[in-house]
N, C-alpha and C. Protein backbone atom coordinates (compact mmCIF):
# COMPACT_ATOMS: atom_id res chain seq x y z
N ASP A 1 0.85 -1.17 0.00
CA ASP A 1 0.00 0.00 0.00
C ASP A 1 0.89 1.23 0.00
N ALA A 2 0.74 2.09 -0.99
CA ALA A 2 1.56 3.30 -1.12
C ALA A 2 1.36 4.24 0.07
N ARG A 3 0.22 4.16 0.71
CA ARG A 3 -0.02 5.04 1.86
C ARG A 3 0.88 4.70 3.05
N LEU A 4 1.49 3.55 3.03
CA LEU A 4 2.35 3.11 4.13
C LEU A 4 3.83 3.31 3.84
N LYS A 5 4.15 3.93 2.70
CA LYS A 5 5.54 4.03 2.28
C LYS A 5 5.94 5.48 2.03
N ILE A 6 7.23 5.76 2.23
CA ILE A 6 7.77 7.08 1.94
C ILE A 6 9.01 6.92 1.08
N ASN A 7 9.49 8.01 0.53
CA ASN A 7 10.70 8.01 -0.31
C ASN A 7 10.59 7.02 -1.47
N ILE A 8 9.44 6.97 -2.10
CA ILE A 8 9.23 6.04 -3.21
C ILE A 8 9.93 6.57 -4.45
N LYS A 9 10.75 5.72 -5.06
CA LYS A 9 11.44 6.09 -6.30
C LYS A 9 11.73 4.82 -7.09
N ASP A 10 12.11 4.98 -8.34
CA ASP A 10 12.45 3.82 -9.16
C ASP A 10 13.69 3.14 -8.59
N PHE A 11 13.70 1.83 -8.65
CA PHE A 11 14.85 1.06 -8.19
C PHE A 11 16.01 1.28 -9.13
N ASN A 12 17.18 1.49 -8.58
CA ASN A 12 18.38 1.68 -9.39
C ASN A 12 18.89 0.30 -9.80
N TYR A 13 18.38 -0.16 -10.91
CA TYR A 13 18.72 -1.48 -11.43
C TYR A 13 20.12 -1.43 -12.00
N HIS A 14 21.11 -1.73 -11.16
CA HIS A 14 22.49 -1.44 -11.50
C HIS A 14 23.28 -2.60 -12.07
N ASP A 15 22.74 -3.78 -12.05
CA ASP A 15 23.50 -4.91 -12.55
C ASP A 15 22.54 -6.03 -12.93
N SER A 16 22.91 -6.78 -13.90
CA SER A 16 22.05 -7.87 -14.35
C SER A 16 22.06 -9.02 -13.35
N ILE A 17 20.90 -9.61 -13.13
CA ILE A 17 20.85 -10.78 -12.26
C ILE A 17 21.58 -11.95 -12.90
N LEU A 18 21.86 -11.82 -14.19
CA LEU A 18 22.60 -12.88 -14.86
C LEU A 18 24.04 -12.96 -14.35
N ASN A 19 24.48 -11.92 -13.66
CA ASN A 19 25.83 -11.92 -13.08
C ASN A 19 25.90 -12.57 -11.71
N ILE A 20 24.76 -12.95 -11.17
CA ILE A 20 24.75 -13.61 -9.86
C ILE A 20 25.10 -15.08 -10.07
N PRO A 21 26.20 -15.55 -9.48
CA PRO A 21 26.57 -16.95 -9.69
C PRO A 21 25.62 -17.92 -8.98
N VAL A 22 25.17 -18.90 -9.71
CA VAL A 22 24.38 -19.99 -9.13
C VAL A 22 25.37 -21.09 -8.79
N ARG A 23 25.28 -21.58 -7.57
CA ARG A 23 26.24 -22.58 -7.08
C ARG A 23 25.56 -23.91 -6.81
N GLU A 24 26.34 -24.94 -6.85
CA GLU A 24 25.93 -26.29 -6.47
C GLU A 24 26.73 -26.61 -5.21
N TYR A 25 26.05 -27.13 -4.18
CA TYR A 25 26.75 -27.37 -2.92
C TYR A 25 26.02 -28.38 -2.06
N ASP A 26 26.69 -28.81 -0.98
CA ASP A 26 26.11 -29.70 0.01
C ASP A 26 26.01 -28.96 1.33
N TRP A 27 24.91 -29.14 2.03
CA TRP A 27 24.76 -28.56 3.36
C TRP A 27 25.61 -29.36 4.35
N LYS A 28 26.34 -28.67 5.20
CA LYS A 28 27.22 -29.33 6.17
C LYS A 28 26.44 -30.24 7.12
N GLU A 29 25.35 -29.75 7.69
CA GLU A 29 24.62 -30.50 8.70
C GLU A 29 23.88 -31.71 8.14
N SER A 30 23.16 -31.52 7.05
CA SER A 30 22.31 -32.60 6.54
C SER A 30 22.97 -33.40 5.42
N GLY A 31 23.97 -32.82 4.78
CA GLY A 31 24.59 -33.47 3.64
C GLY A 31 23.77 -33.35 2.37
N GLU A 32 22.61 -32.68 2.47
CA GLU A 32 21.72 -32.51 1.31
C GLU A 32 22.43 -31.73 0.21
N HIS A 33 22.34 -32.26 -0.99
CA HIS A 33 22.93 -31.60 -2.16
C HIS A 33 21.87 -30.70 -2.78
N THR A 34 22.25 -29.49 -3.15
CA THR A 34 21.28 -28.55 -3.70
C THR A 34 21.98 -27.53 -4.60
N ILE A 35 21.19 -26.66 -5.18
CA ILE A 35 21.72 -25.54 -5.94
C ILE A 35 21.14 -24.26 -5.34
N GLY A 36 21.85 -23.17 -5.50
CA GLY A 36 21.35 -21.90 -4.98
C GLY A 36 22.43 -20.84 -5.04
N PHE A 37 22.24 -19.84 -4.21
CA PHE A 37 23.18 -18.73 -4.14
C PHE A 37 23.98 -18.80 -2.83
N ILE A 38 25.11 -18.14 -2.84
CA ILE A 38 25.90 -17.95 -1.62
C ILE A 38 25.63 -16.52 -1.16
N ALA A 39 25.16 -16.38 0.06
CA ALA A 39 24.73 -15.06 0.55
C ALA A 39 25.83 -14.01 0.42
N GLN A 40 27.06 -14.36 0.74
CA GLN A 40 28.15 -13.38 0.66
C GLN A 40 28.36 -12.89 -0.77
N GLU A 41 28.22 -13.79 -1.75
CA GLU A 41 28.39 -13.39 -3.15
C GLU A 41 27.24 -12.50 -3.60
N LEU A 42 26.04 -12.85 -3.20
CA LEU A 42 24.88 -12.03 -3.56
C LEU A 42 24.95 -10.67 -2.89
N GLN A 43 25.44 -10.64 -1.67
CA GLN A 43 25.54 -9.40 -0.90
C GLN A 43 26.46 -8.39 -1.59
N GLU A 44 27.48 -8.87 -2.28
CA GLU A 44 28.40 -7.97 -3.00
C GLU A 44 27.68 -7.22 -4.11
N ILE A 45 26.71 -7.86 -4.75
CA ILE A 45 26.00 -7.25 -5.88
C ILE A 45 24.73 -6.55 -5.43
N TYR A 46 23.95 -7.23 -4.59
CA TYR A 46 22.66 -6.71 -4.11
C TYR A 46 22.57 -6.84 -2.59
N PRO A 47 23.19 -5.95 -1.84
CA PRO A 47 23.17 -6.06 -0.38
C PRO A 47 21.75 -6.01 0.21
N GLU A 48 20.82 -5.38 -0.50
CA GLU A 48 19.45 -5.29 0.01
C GLU A 48 18.71 -6.63 -0.02
N LEU A 49 19.31 -7.63 -0.65
CA LEU A 49 18.69 -8.95 -0.72
C LEU A 49 19.22 -9.91 0.33
N VAL A 50 20.10 -9.44 1.18
CA VAL A 50 20.72 -10.31 2.19
C VAL A 50 20.46 -9.75 3.58
N GLY A 51 20.05 -10.63 4.47
CA GLY A 51 19.84 -10.26 5.86
C GLY A 51 20.79 -11.03 6.76
N GLU A 52 20.77 -10.67 8.03
CA GLU A 52 21.63 -11.34 9.01
C GLU A 52 20.77 -11.71 10.21
N ASP A 53 20.87 -12.97 10.64
CA ASP A 53 20.07 -13.39 11.79
C ASP A 53 20.79 -13.06 13.09
N GLU A 54 20.17 -13.40 14.21
CA GLU A 54 20.73 -13.06 15.52
C GLU A 54 22.04 -13.77 15.82
N ASP A 55 22.34 -14.86 15.09
CA ASP A 55 23.60 -15.57 15.27
C ASP A 55 24.69 -15.07 14.33
N GLY A 56 24.37 -14.05 13.52
CA GLY A 56 25.35 -13.51 12.60
C GLY A 56 25.42 -14.25 11.27
N LYS A 57 24.54 -15.22 11.07
CA LYS A 57 24.52 -15.97 9.81
C LYS A 57 23.72 -15.18 8.78
N LEU A 58 24.24 -15.16 7.56
CA LEU A 58 23.57 -14.45 6.48
C LEU A 58 22.50 -15.33 5.85
N TYR A 59 21.44 -14.70 5.39
CA TYR A 59 20.39 -15.40 4.67
C TYR A 59 19.93 -14.53 3.50
N ILE A 60 19.36 -15.18 2.51
CA ILE A 60 18.90 -14.49 1.31
C ILE A 60 17.41 -14.23 1.42
N LYS A 61 17.03 -13.00 1.15
CA LYS A 61 15.61 -12.63 1.13
C LYS A 61 15.07 -13.01 -0.24
N GLU A 62 14.77 -14.30 -0.39
CA GLU A 62 14.47 -14.88 -1.70
C GLU A 62 13.26 -14.25 -2.39
N THR A 63 12.27 -13.85 -1.65
CA THR A 63 11.09 -13.27 -2.29
C THR A 63 11.42 -11.97 -3.01
N LYS A 64 12.45 -11.27 -2.56
CA LYS A 64 12.84 -10.02 -3.22
C LYS A 64 13.50 -10.26 -4.57
N LEU A 65 13.95 -11.48 -4.82
CA LEU A 65 14.52 -11.81 -6.12
C LEU A 65 13.49 -11.66 -7.24
N ILE A 66 12.22 -11.79 -6.90
CA ILE A 66 11.16 -11.64 -7.89
C ILE A 66 11.24 -10.28 -8.55
N TYR A 67 11.51 -9.25 -7.78
CA TYR A 67 11.57 -7.90 -8.33
C TYR A 67 12.71 -7.77 -9.34
N LEU A 68 13.82 -8.41 -9.04
CA LEU A 68 14.94 -8.38 -9.98
C LEU A 68 14.61 -9.14 -11.25
N LEU A 69 13.90 -10.25 -11.12
CA LEU A 69 13.49 -11.01 -12.30
C LEU A 69 12.58 -10.18 -13.19
N ILE A 70 11.67 -9.45 -12.59
CA ILE A 70 10.78 -8.57 -13.37
C ILE A 70 11.59 -7.51 -14.10
N GLU A 71 12.55 -6.91 -13.44
CA GLU A 71 13.38 -5.90 -14.09
C GLU A 71 14.20 -6.50 -15.23
N GLU A 72 14.67 -7.72 -15.04
CA GLU A 72 15.43 -8.39 -16.10
C GLU A 72 14.54 -8.67 -17.31
N VAL A 73 13.32 -9.11 -17.06
CA VAL A 73 12.38 -9.35 -18.15
C VAL A 73 12.09 -8.05 -18.90
N LYS A 74 11.91 -6.96 -18.18
CA LYS A 74 11.68 -5.67 -18.82
C LYS A 74 12.86 -5.28 -19.72
N ALA A 75 14.07 -5.47 -19.20
CA ALA A 75 15.27 -5.12 -19.98
C ALA A 75 15.36 -5.99 -21.23
N LEU A 76 15.07 -7.27 -21.10
CA LEU A 76 15.11 -8.17 -22.25
C LEU A 76 14.03 -7.80 -23.27
N LYS A 77 12.86 -7.45 -22.79
CA LYS A 77 11.78 -7.06 -23.69
C LYS A 77 12.16 -5.80 -24.46
N LYS A 78 12.75 -4.85 -23.77
CA LYS A 78 13.19 -3.61 -24.43
C LYS A 78 14.22 -3.92 -25.50
N GLU A 79 15.17 -4.79 -25.19
CA GLU A 79 16.20 -5.18 -26.15
C GLU A 79 15.58 -5.88 -27.36
N ILE A 80 14.62 -6.75 -27.13
CA ILE A 80 13.95 -7.45 -28.22
C ILE A 80 13.22 -6.45 -29.12
N GLU A 81 12.52 -5.51 -28.51
CA GLU A 81 11.80 -4.50 -29.29
C GLU A 81 12.77 -3.67 -30.15
N GLU A 82 13.92 -3.31 -29.59
CA GLU A 82 14.92 -2.55 -30.35
C GLU A 82 15.48 -3.38 -31.51
N LEU A 83 15.71 -4.65 -31.28
CA LEU A 83 16.20 -5.53 -32.33
C LEU A 83 15.17 -5.70 -33.45
N LYS A 84 13.89 -5.75 -33.07
CA LYS A 84 12.83 -5.85 -34.07
C LYS A 84 12.79 -4.62 -34.95
N LYS A 85 13.01 -3.46 -34.34
CA LYS A 85 12.99 -2.19 -35.10
C LYS A 85 14.16 -2.15 -36.09
N GLU A 86 15.31 -2.68 -35.67
CA GLU A 86 16.50 -2.69 -36.53
C GLU A 86 16.35 -3.67 -37.68
N GLY A 87 15.69 -4.80 -37.43
CA GLY A 87 15.63 -5.89 -38.41
C GLY A 87 14.46 -5.75 -39.29
């Protein structure tokens, strides 16, 4: 709700999400193999997507990645439209 927010402005979309490395790894405690992001690596590019819990462990605010995906789709759509005009 816009009535609950201040300082509203366009997001400074400063880097492509395509530059975020996707990693394959095993969890130490469970041994479960998975894919995902490393919080420290993501924090270097998008610090607003990383939080810290009371134990000092970093976590990724995964739902906020949706906004970056939307911006990436917009950028790709714009590029496609420009290519169509050229061709």
